[in-house]
């Protein structure tokens, strides 16, 4: 392997919320991630709504009551 043509290889530590969650090989010594398989709802089975703009409440207000019954004829 030529040393001039390849980037430096590190045993990279991946951090999530300040703690190391895994080590991988990469071209940087460390990575800081917001989401990984241990915190993602698909893998953990926990559902969490992130709603800063009130979109969930707006949707629930729009479709509450007999919204769908009024459309059927």
N, C-alpha and C. Protein backbone atom coordinates (compact mmCIF):
# COMPACT_ATOMS: atom_id res chain seq x y z
N UNK A 1 0.85 -1.17 0.00
CA UNK A 1 0.00 0.00 0.00
C UNK A 1 0.90 1.24 0.00
N UNK A 2 0.67 2.16 -0.90
CA UNK A 2 1.45 3.38 -0.97
C UNK A 2 1.00 4.33 0.13
N UNK A 3 1.94 4.91 0.85
CA UNK A 3 1.60 5.78 1.98
C UNK A 3 1.16 7.16 1.52
N UNK A 4 1.55 7.61 0.36
CA UNK A 4 1.21 8.96 -0.09
C UNK A 4 -0.21 9.05 -0.65
N UNK A 5 -0.79 7.95 -1.12
CA UNK A 5 -2.07 8.03 -1.82
C UNK A 5 -3.28 7.72 -0.95
N UNK A 6 -3.08 7.11 0.21
CA UNK A 6 -4.21 6.71 1.04
C UNK A 6 -4.32 7.61 2.27
N UNK A 7 -5.54 7.91 2.71
CA UNK A 7 -5.70 8.72 3.91
C UNK A 7 -5.29 7.93 5.16
N UNK A 8 -5.01 8.66 6.23
CA UNK A 8 -4.65 8.01 7.49
C UNK A 8 -5.88 7.28 8.04
N UNK A 9 -5.66 6.07 8.55
CA UNK A 9 -6.74 5.23 9.06
C UNK A 9 -6.71 5.24 10.58
N UNK A 10 -7.88 5.47 11.20
CA UNK A 10 -7.99 5.53 12.65
C UNK A 10 -8.97 4.46 13.15
N UNK A 11 -8.78 4.03 14.38
CA UNK A 11 -9.82 3.28 15.08
C UNK A 11 -10.72 4.33 15.70
N UNK A 12 -11.80 4.63 15.00
CA UNK A 12 -12.67 5.76 15.32
C UNK A 12 -13.65 5.39 16.43
N UNK A 13 -13.77 6.27 17.42
CA UNK A 13 -14.76 6.09 18.49
C UNK A 13 -15.99 6.91 18.13
N UNK A 14 -17.16 6.29 18.22
CA UNK A 14 -18.42 6.95 17.91
C UNK A 14 -19.10 7.30 19.23
N UNK A 15 -19.39 8.60 19.41
CA UNK A 15 -19.99 9.09 20.65
C UNK A 15 -21.45 9.46 20.42
N UNK A 16 -22.30 9.14 21.41
CA UNK A 16 -23.70 9.55 21.42
C UNK A 16 -23.99 10.04 22.83
N UNK A 17 -24.38 11.30 22.97
CA UNK A 17 -24.64 11.94 24.27
C UNK A 17 -23.45 11.81 25.21
N UNK A 18 -22.24 11.96 24.67
CA UNK A 18 -21.05 11.99 25.49
C UNK A 18 -20.47 10.64 25.87
N UNK A 19 -21.06 9.55 25.46
CA UNK A 19 -20.51 8.24 25.79
C UNK A 19 -20.21 7.45 24.52
N UNK A 20 -19.19 6.63 24.58
CA UNK A 20 -18.78 5.84 23.43
C UNK A 20 -19.78 4.71 23.22
N UNK A 21 -20.31 4.61 22.02
CA UNK A 21 -21.29 3.55 21.72
C UNK A 21 -20.69 2.45 20.85
N UNK A 22 -19.64 2.74 20.10
CA UNK A 22 -18.99 1.72 19.28
C UNK A 22 -17.66 2.25 18.77
N UNK A 23 -16.86 1.34 18.25
CA UNK A 23 -15.62 1.73 17.60
C UNK A 23 -15.62 1.13 16.19
N UNK A 24 -15.25 1.96 15.22
CA UNK A 24 -15.20 1.53 13.83
C UNK A 24 -13.92 2.04 13.20
N UNK A 25 -13.60 1.59 12.02
CA UNK A 25 -12.48 2.11 11.27
C UNK A 25 -12.93 3.27 10.41
N UNK A 26 -12.18 4.39 10.45
CA UNK A 26 -12.57 5.56 9.66
C UNK A 26 -11.35 6.44 9.42
N UNK A 27 -11.57 7.52 8.68
CA UNK A 27 -10.49 8.47 8.38
C UNK A 27 -10.44 9.61 9.38
N UNK A 28 -11.29 9.59 10.41
CA UNK A 28 -11.28 10.58 11.48
C UNK A 28 -11.17 9.85 12.81
N UNK A 29 -10.57 10.46 13.83
CA UNK A 29 -10.39 9.75 15.09
C UNK A 29 -11.65 9.59 15.93
N UNK A 30 -12.64 10.49 15.78
CA UNK A 30 -13.89 10.34 16.53
C UNK A 30 -15.05 10.98 15.79
N UNK A 31 -16.26 10.43 16.02
CA UNK A 31 -17.49 10.95 15.45
C UNK A 31 -18.49 11.19 16.57
N UNK A 32 -19.26 12.25 16.45
CA UNK A 32 -20.33 12.55 17.40
C UNK A 32 -21.64 12.49 16.62
N UNK A 33 -22.53 11.57 17.02
CA UNK A 33 -23.78 11.36 16.30
C UNK A 33 -24.97 11.68 17.20
N UNK A 34 -26.08 12.09 16.58
CA UNK A 34 -27.31 12.38 17.32
C UNK A 34 -28.21 11.16 17.40
N UNK A 35 -28.18 10.31 16.38
CA UNK A 35 -29.03 9.13 16.33
C UNK A 35 -28.17 7.93 15.96
N UNK A 36 -28.36 6.83 16.65
CA UNK A 36 -27.73 5.57 16.29
C UNK A 36 -28.73 4.47 16.60
N UNK A 37 -28.44 3.24 16.27
CA UNK A 37 -29.43 2.17 16.38
C UNK A 37 -29.90 1.96 17.82
N UNK A 38 -29.09 2.30 18.81
CA UNK A 38 -29.49 2.14 20.20
C UNK A 38 -30.45 3.21 20.68
N UNK A 39 -30.62 4.28 19.92
CA UNK A 39 -31.53 5.35 20.34
C UNK A 39 -32.65 5.59 19.34
N UNK A 40 -32.64 4.89 18.21
CA UNK A 40 -33.66 5.10 17.18
C UNK A 40 -34.92 4.29 17.51
N UNK A 41 -36.12 4.90 17.38
CA UNK A 41 -37.37 4.21 17.72
C UNK A 41 -37.60 2.91 16.95
N UNK A 42 -37.10 2.79 15.74
CA UNK A 42 -37.29 1.57 14.96
C UNK A 42 -36.63 0.38 15.65
N UNK A 43 -35.45 0.59 16.21
CA UNK A 43 -34.70 -0.50 16.84
C UNK A 43 -35.07 -0.69 18.31
N UNK A 44 -35.46 0.38 19.00
CA UNK A 44 -35.75 0.27 20.43
C UNK A 44 -37.20 -0.07 20.71
N UNK A 45 -38.10 0.21 19.77
CA UNK A 45 -39.52 -0.05 19.96
C UNK A 45 -40.24 1.05 20.72
N UNK A 46 -39.55 2.10 21.10
CA UNK A 46 -40.17 3.23 21.78
C UNK A 46 -40.51 4.30 20.76
N UNK A 47 -41.70 4.84 20.85
CA UNK A 47 -42.14 5.88 19.93
C UNK A 47 -41.99 7.23 20.62
N UNK A 48 -41.39 8.18 19.93
CA UNK A 48 -41.24 9.52 20.48
C UNK A 48 -41.56 10.53 19.38
N UNK A 49 -42.46 11.45 19.67
CA UNK A 49 -42.79 12.49 18.71
C UNK A 49 -41.95 13.72 19.00
N UNK A 50 -41.27 14.21 17.98
CA UNK A 50 -40.53 15.46 18.09
C UNK A 50 -41.35 16.48 17.33
N UNK A 51 -41.96 17.40 18.06
CA UNK A 51 -42.88 18.34 17.43
C UNK A 51 -42.65 19.73 18.01
N UNK A 52 -41.85 20.52 17.32
CA UNK A 52 -41.54 21.85 17.81
C UNK A 52 -42.54 22.89 17.30
N UNK A 53 -43.20 22.60 16.20
CA UNK A 53 -44.07 23.60 15.58
C UNK A 53 -45.55 23.34 15.85
N UNK A 54 -45.90 22.35 16.67
CA UNK A 54 -47.29 22.07 16.96
C UNK A 54 -48.02 21.36 15.84
N UNK A 55 -47.30 20.65 14.99
CA UNK A 55 -47.92 20.01 13.83
C UNK A 55 -48.82 18.85 14.24
N UNK A 56 -48.42 18.11 15.27
CA UNK A 56 -49.25 16.98 15.70
C UNK A 56 -50.58 17.48 16.22
N UNK A 57 -50.55 18.51 17.05
CA UNK A 57 -51.79 19.07 17.60
C UNK A 57 -52.66 19.65 16.48
N UNK A 58 -52.05 20.30 15.51
CA UNK A 58 -52.79 20.87 14.39
C UNK A 58 -53.48 19.76 13.59
N UNK A 59 -52.77 18.66 13.35
CA UNK A 59 -53.34 17.52 12.64
C UNK A 59 -54.50 16.93 13.43
N UNK A 60 -54.31 16.76 14.74
CA UNK A 60 -55.37 16.18 15.57
C UNK A 60 -56.60 17.08 15.62
N UNK A 61 -56.40 18.39 15.68
CA UNK A 61 -57.55 19.32 15.68
C UNK A 61 -58.29 19.26 14.35
N UNK A 62 -57.55 19.17 13.25
CA UNK A 62 -58.17 19.16 11.92
C UNK A 62 -59.02 17.91 11.71
N UNK A 63 -58.55 16.77 12.16
CA UNK A 63 -59.22 15.51 11.87
C UNK A 63 -59.99 14.94 13.06
N UNK A 64 -60.27 15.73 14.06
CA UNK A 64 -61.03 15.22 15.20
C UNK A 64 -62.52 15.19 14.90
N UNK A 65 -63.25 14.52 15.75
CA UNK A 65 -64.71 14.50 15.61
C UNK A 65 -65.16 13.63 14.47
N UNK A 66 -66.12 14.11 13.70
CA UNK A 66 -66.71 13.31 12.61
C UNK A 66 -66.23 13.79 11.25
N UNK A 67 -64.99 14.13 11.13
CA UNK A 67 -64.43 14.63 9.86
C UNK A 67 -64.62 13.61 8.74
N UNK A 68 -64.33 12.33 9.03
CA UNK A 68 -64.39 11.32 7.98
C UNK A 68 -65.83 10.86 7.72
N UNK A 69 -66.71 10.91 8.70
CA UNK A 69 -68.09 10.53 8.47
C UNK A 69 -68.80 11.52 7.57
N UNK A 70 -68.47 12.78 7.64
CA UNK A 70 -69.12 13.79 6.84
C UNK A 70 -68.80 13.62 5.34
N UNK A 71 -67.67 13.05 4.99
CA UNK A 71 -67.25 12.89 3.59
C UNK A 71 -67.93 11.71 2.92
N UNK A 72 -68.33 10.68 3.68
CA UNK A 72 -68.91 9.48 3.07
C UNK A 72 -70.35 9.73 2.64
N UNK A 73 -70.68 9.31 1.42
CA UNK A 73 -72.07 9.40 0.91
C UNK A 73 -72.31 8.34 -0.09
